[in-house]
């Protein structure tokens, strides 16, 4: 299947959202807080996904790739050392819960869009946080060449 559709997801983190791109052109980008009416809401972006698909005139089965803006395996040692060194309150348990949810995202996506996990799983890619920022700008740019830079709270 090559419909040129990529559904990008930010899930189980603040400002959960979805975006859909067709053949390198941004069709829609929607934050879940618009539906839940909770500023910076976390969790899974069920309604944002549905709205992106609606705006694209697509069904979930048409999506070639589900791109998740976090890779649960990225920087594990660095994160572990930070937690051990600074021991922020509540963070260890919160991070462990989020990590387990991120790892089960293909199942959550499948349940949300009504597809079998055996279809969604092979189409799901976890993209490390900063390259996800960069890709969101570069891949939909109208320019053939582009310079991008990502600077945020994690470094």
Protein backbone atom coordinates (compact mmCIF):
# COMPACT_ATOMS: atom_id res chain seq x y z
CA UNK A 1 0.00 0.00 0.00
CA UNK A 2 1.43 3.36 -0.99
CA UNK A 3 -1.06 6.13 -0.41
CA UNK A 4 1.67 8.55 0.65
CA UNK A 5 0.00 9.02 4.04
CA UNK A 6 1.98 9.42 7.25
CA UNK A 7 0.14 9.91 10.54
CA UNK A 8 2.42 11.45 13.15
CA UNK A 9 1.61 11.08 16.84
CA UNK A 10 2.73 12.70 20.07
CA UNK A 11 1.29 10.49 22.82
CA UNK A 12 1.67 9.98 26.59
CA UNK A 13 3.45 13.29 27.01
CA UNK A 14 2.26 16.87 27.35
CA UNK A 15 0.42 18.44 24.41
CA UNK A 16 -0.65 15.15 22.82
CA UNK A 17 -1.45 15.60 19.17
CA UNK A 18 -1.64 14.11 15.70
CA UNK A 19 -0.66 15.33 12.25
CA UNK A 20 -1.18 13.83 8.84
CA UNK A 21 1.00 14.32 5.77
CA UNK A 22 0.22 13.19 2.23
CA UNK A 23 3.09 13.00 -0.24
CA UNK A 24 5.15 15.46 1.81
CA UNK A 25 2.34 18.01 2.20
CA UNK A 26 0.86 18.75 5.60
CA UNK A 27 -2.89 18.11 5.53
CA UNK A 28 -3.75 18.61 9.20
CA UNK A 29 -2.18 19.02 12.64
CA UNK A 30 -4.46 18.84 15.67
CA UNK A 31 -3.87 18.97 19.42
CA UNK A 32 -6.08 16.82 21.63
CA UNK A 33 -6.61 19.70 24.07
CA UNK A 34 -8.96 21.31 21.52
CA UNK A 35 -11.40 18.45 22.10
CA UNK A 36 -10.79 17.70 25.78
CA UNK A 37 -10.61 21.37 26.75
CA UNK A 38 -7.65 20.62 29.05
CA UNK A 39 -4.59 22.77 28.42
CA UNK A 40 -1.40 20.73 27.69
CA UNK A 41 -3.29 17.46 28.20
CA UNK A 42 -1.41 14.17 28.24
CA UNK A 43 -2.55 10.67 27.34
CA UNK A 44 -3.46 9.34 23.92
CA UNK A 45 -4.73 11.61 21.08
CA UNK A 46 -7.84 9.61 20.05
CA UNK A 47 -9.86 12.60 18.87
CA UNK A 48 -6.92 14.34 17.20
CA UNK A 49 -6.26 11.18 15.16
CA UNK A 50 -9.91 10.95 14.11
CA UNK A 51 -9.96 14.62 13.11
CA UNK A 52 -6.74 14.31 11.07
CA UNK A 53 -8.14 11.31 9.20
CA UNK A 54 -11.41 13.17 8.61
CA UNK A 55 -9.61 16.25 7.28
CA UNK A 56 -7.50 14.08 4.97
CA UNK A 57 -10.57 12.22 3.70
CA UNK A 58 -8.82 8.99 4.65
CA UNK A 59 -9.47 5.82 6.58
CA UNK A 60 -6.95 4.41 9.05
CA UNK A 61 -6.28 1.51 6.67
CA UNK A 62 -5.02 4.06 4.10
CA UNK A 63 -2.16 5.17 6.39
CA UNK A 64 1.21 3.88 5.21
CA UNK A 65 3.15 4.84 8.32
CA UNK A 66 2.34 5.71 11.93
CA UNK A 67 5.26 7.84 13.17
CA UNK A 68 5.57 8.22 16.95
CA UNK A 69 7.57 11.23 18.17
CA UNK A 70 9.39 9.33 20.89
CA UNK A 71 11.68 6.36 20.88
CA UNK A 72 11.48 4.53 24.22
CA UNK A 73 15.01 3.18 23.69
CA UNK A 74 16.67 6.55 23.00
CA UNK A 75 19.13 7.88 25.57
CA UNK A 76 18.26 5.25 28.19
CA UNK A 77 21.61 5.46 29.99
CA UNK A 78 21.59 9.24 29.98
CA UNK A 79 18.06 9.31 31.41
CA UNK A 80 18.89 6.68 34.02
CA UNK A 81 22.00 8.59 35.15
CA UNK A 82 19.98 11.81 35.41
CA UNK A 83 17.35 10.09 37.56
CA UNK A 84 19.95 8.51 39.82
CA UNK A 85 21.93 11.72 40.17
CA UNK A 86 19.10 14.20 40.78
CA UNK A 87 16.31 11.92 42.02
CA UNK A 88 13.42 14.17 41.02
CA UNK A 89 10.28 13.47 43.06
CA UNK A 90 7.84 11.04 41.46
CA UNK A 91 9.74 10.98 38.20
CA UNK A 92 10.97 7.39 38.26
CA UNK A 93 7.50 5.89 38.58
CA UNK A 94 6.02 8.38 36.09
CA UNK A 95 8.74 7.68 33.52
CA UNK A 96 8.38 3.92 33.94
CA UNK A 97 4.62 4.16 33.37
CA UNK A 98 5.11 6.33 30.29
CA UNK A 99 7.78 4.01 28.91
CA UNK A 100 5.47 1.01 29.20
CA UNK A 101 2.69 2.96 27.44
CA UNK A 102 5.00 4.09 24.62
CA UNK A 103 6.08 0.49 24.05
CA UNK A 104 2.44 -0.56 23.65
CA UNK A 105 1.54 2.26 21.27
CA UNK A 106 0.85 0.02 18.25
CA UNK A 107 -1.91 -1.65 20.30
CA UNK A 108 -3.31 1.73 21.40
CA UNK A 109 -3.24 3.03 17.82
CA UNK A 110 -4.95 -0.12 16.54
CA UNK A 111 -7.68 0.14 19.17
CA UNK A 112 -8.19 3.85 18.50
CA UNK A 113 -8.54 3.52 14.72
CA UNK A 114 -10.28 0.14 14.58
CA UNK A 115 -7.51 -1.82 12.87
CA UNK A 116 -5.87 -5.07 13.86
CA UNK A 117 -2.58 -4.61 15.71
CA UNK A 118 -0.95 -6.95 13.17
CA UNK A 119 -1.61 -4.28 10.55
CA UNK A 120 -0.59 -1.29 12.66
CA UNK A 121 2.54 -2.81 14.26
CA UNK A 122 4.63 -3.18 11.09
CA UNK A 123 3.61 0.31 9.98
CA UNK A 124 4.68 1.97 13.27
CA UNK A 125 8.03 3.71 13.62
CA UNK A 126 9.41 5.29 16.78
CA UNK A 127 11.39 8.42 15.98
CA UNK A 128 13.69 9.92 18.60
CA UNK A 129 12.29 13.18 19.97
CA UNK A 130 14.70 15.69 18.40
CA UNK A 131 14.82 14.13 14.91
CA UNK A 132 11.00 14.15 15.07
CA UNK A 133 11.08 17.93 15.61
CA UNK A 134 13.51 18.31 12.72
CA UNK A 135 11.56 16.03 10.38
CA UNK A 136 8.30 17.87 11.10
CA UNK A 137 9.88 21.01 9.66
CA UNK A 138 12.15 19.62 6.93
CA UNK A 139 9.91 17.02 5.32
CA UNK A 140 7.01 19.38 4.70
CA UNK A 141 9.19 22.29 3.63
CA UNK A 142 8.58 23.53 0.09
CA UNK A 143 12.34 23.90 -0.35
CA UNK A 144 14.57 21.25 -1.86
CA UNK A 145 17.32 22.03 0.68
CA UNK A 146 16.66 23.20 4.22
CA UNK A 147 18.59 23.76 7.42
CA UNK A 148 16.74 22.89 10.62
CA UNK A 149 17.60 23.15 14.31
CA UNK A 150 15.83 21.72 17.37
CA UNK A 151 16.33 23.24 20.81
CA UNK A 152 14.07 22.32 23.70
CA UNK A 153 14.07 21.46 27.38
CA UNK A 154 15.90 18.12 27.20
CA UNK A 155 18.94 19.41 25.29
